[in-house]
Protein backbone atom coordinates (compact mmCIF):
# COMPACT_ATOMS: atom_id res chain seq x y z
CA MET A 1 -27.98 -41.66 -89.75
CA GLU A 2 -29.78 -39.84 -91.06
CA GLN A 3 -30.50 -41.70 -94.47
CA VAL A 4 -34.02 -44.15 -94.09
CA ASP A 5 -32.80 -46.93 -96.73
CA LYS A 6 -30.24 -47.74 -94.48
CA TYR A 7 -32.40 -49.11 -91.55
CA ILE A 8 -34.06 -52.43 -91.92
CA SER A 9 -37.20 -53.81 -90.02
CA TRP A 10 -37.57 -55.52 -87.50
CA GLY A 11 -38.87 -58.30 -89.39
CA ASP A 12 -36.07 -58.45 -91.90
CA PHE A 13 -33.50 -59.28 -89.16
CA THR A 14 -35.48 -61.98 -87.72
CA LYS A 15 -35.38 -63.60 -91.80
CA ILE A 16 -31.86 -63.49 -90.40
CA GLU A 17 -30.11 -66.98 -89.07
CA ILE A 18 -27.34 -65.57 -87.17
CA ARG A 19 -25.95 -69.05 -84.99
CA VAL A 20 -23.10 -69.78 -83.00
CA GLY A 21 -21.21 -72.97 -83.76
CA THR A 22 -17.26 -74.61 -83.35
CA ILE A 23 -15.30 -75.30 -86.16
CA THR A 24 -14.13 -78.73 -86.21
CA HIS A 25 -11.56 -78.53 -89.19
CA ALA A 26 -9.66 -75.90 -91.26
CA GLU A 27 -7.08 -76.21 -93.52
CA VAL A 28 -5.39 -74.22 -96.03
CA PHE A 29 -8.14 -73.53 -99.45
CA GLU A 30 -5.47 -74.23 -102.41
CA GLU A 31 -7.99 -73.60 -104.93
CA ALA A 32 -8.85 -70.13 -103.64
CA LEU A 33 -8.66 -67.26 -105.26
CA LYS A 34 -7.88 -65.13 -102.50
CA PRO A 35 -5.99 -66.70 -99.96
CA ALA A 36 -7.87 -68.74 -97.67
CA TYR A 37 -9.22 -71.45 -95.45
CA LYS A 38 -11.76 -74.36 -95.61
CA VAL A 39 -13.60 -74.71 -92.15
CA THR A 40 -15.77 -76.68 -91.46
CA VAL A 41 -18.94 -75.94 -88.32
CA ASP A 42 -20.80 -77.82 -86.38
CA PHE A 43 -24.00 -75.88 -85.93
CA GLY A 44 -25.25 -79.28 -83.87
CA GLU A 45 -29.11 -79.86 -84.46
CA PHE A 46 -28.29 -77.37 -87.60
CA GLY A 47 -26.33 -79.07 -88.96
CA ILE A 48 -22.48 -79.12 -90.22
CA CYS A 49 -21.75 -76.37 -92.44
CA LYS A 50 -18.39 -76.05 -95.37
CA SER A 51 -17.15 -72.18 -95.21
CA SER A 52 -14.24 -70.36 -96.91
CA ALA A 53 -13.04 -67.60 -94.91
CA GLN A 54 -10.89 -64.64 -95.14
CA ILE A 55 -9.19 -64.83 -91.44
CA THR A 56 -5.49 -66.00 -92.88
CA LYS A 57 -3.74 -62.62 -91.81
CA LEU A 58 -4.88 -62.96 -87.85
CA TYR A 59 -5.47 -67.33 -87.59
CA LYS A 60 -3.64 -70.61 -88.79
CA PRO A 61 -5.92 -73.24 -88.83
CA ASN A 62 -4.39 -75.37 -86.21
CA GLU A 63 -5.90 -72.59 -84.01
CA LEU A 64 -9.12 -72.46 -85.35
CA ILE A 65 -9.95 -75.42 -84.06
CA GLY A 66 -12.76 -76.30 -81.41
CA LYS A 67 -13.25 -72.05 -81.71
CA GLN A 68 -16.55 -71.27 -81.36
CA VAL A 69 -17.61 -68.65 -83.84
CA VAL A 70 -20.94 -66.96 -85.39
CA ALA A 71 -22.25 -67.38 -88.73
CA VAL A 72 -25.24 -66.33 -91.13
CA THR A 73 -26.38 -69.83 -91.22
CA ASN A 74 -28.91 -69.22 -93.78
CA PHE A 75 -27.89 -67.38 -97.71
CA PRO A 76 -28.24 -69.88 -99.79
CA PRO A 77 -24.90 -72.34 -100.84
CA LYS A 78 -22.46 -71.05 -102.64
CA GLN A 79 -20.30 -72.39 -105.00
CA ILE A 80 -16.72 -71.21 -104.07
CA ALA A 81 -13.66 -72.86 -106.06
CA ASN A 82 -14.22 -76.67 -105.61
CA ILE A 83 -16.37 -76.64 -102.49
CA GLN A 84 -20.22 -75.55 -101.73
CA SER A 85 -20.12 -71.83 -98.56
CA ASN A 86 -23.12 -73.15 -96.71
CA CYS A 87 -22.62 -70.72 -94.26
CA LEU A 88 -21.30 -67.06 -93.56
CA ILE A 89 -18.71 -67.17 -90.95
CA LEU A 90 -19.10 -63.65 -89.87
CA GLY A 91 -15.76 -60.87 -88.55
CA ALA A 92 -14.88 -57.42 -87.70
CA VAL A 93 -12.75 -56.40 -90.95
CA ASN A 94 -9.77 -53.67 -90.75
CA ASN A 95 -8.35 -53.50 -94.70
CA ASN A 96 -7.47 -57.42 -94.67
CA GLU A 97 -7.31 -58.89 -90.95
CA VAL A 98 -10.47 -60.32 -89.98
CA THR A 99 -11.39 -60.31 -87.11
CA LEU A 100 -13.70 -63.43 -86.39
CA LEU A 101 -16.61 -63.16 -84.03
CA THR A 102 -17.27 -65.45 -81.26
CA THR A 103 -18.66 -66.08 -77.90
CA ASP A 104 -17.34 -64.56 -75.06
CA LEU A 105 -18.38 -67.85 -72.82
CA PRO A 106 -18.79 -71.61 -74.70
CA VAL A 107 -22.53 -71.61 -75.46
CA LYS A 108 -24.11 -74.75 -76.90
CA ASN A 109 -23.68 -74.80 -80.89
CA GLY A 110 -26.33 -73.45 -82.73
CA LEU A 111 -27.98 -71.27 -80.62
CA ARG A 112 -29.12 -68.74 -82.78
CA ILE A 113 -27.41 -64.64 -82.13
CA GLY A 114 -30.39 -62.12 -81.85
């Protein structure tokens, strides 16, 4: 990492709201151009968010219910087909496979990652 433009400041990082939430609903996103699920995530006092998640290679919708995930919650809403995505669920990407970032132990919904 020798290039200075690859670095961000601590102030930049603190602007990103990365929080833990629990998936309460997941279904196949038929209208999406790429295979995806419509996912609803409960972030506790920070509310309920919907997202389009391209995680169909490693997960089935029924396996996602109750799973705690890590997501960015302060991106502007984004219209994806017929839903408005309010958060970005994070995962490790290997080609077309996405492995969700989760917590090791259950934690309170809405806790901030930092």
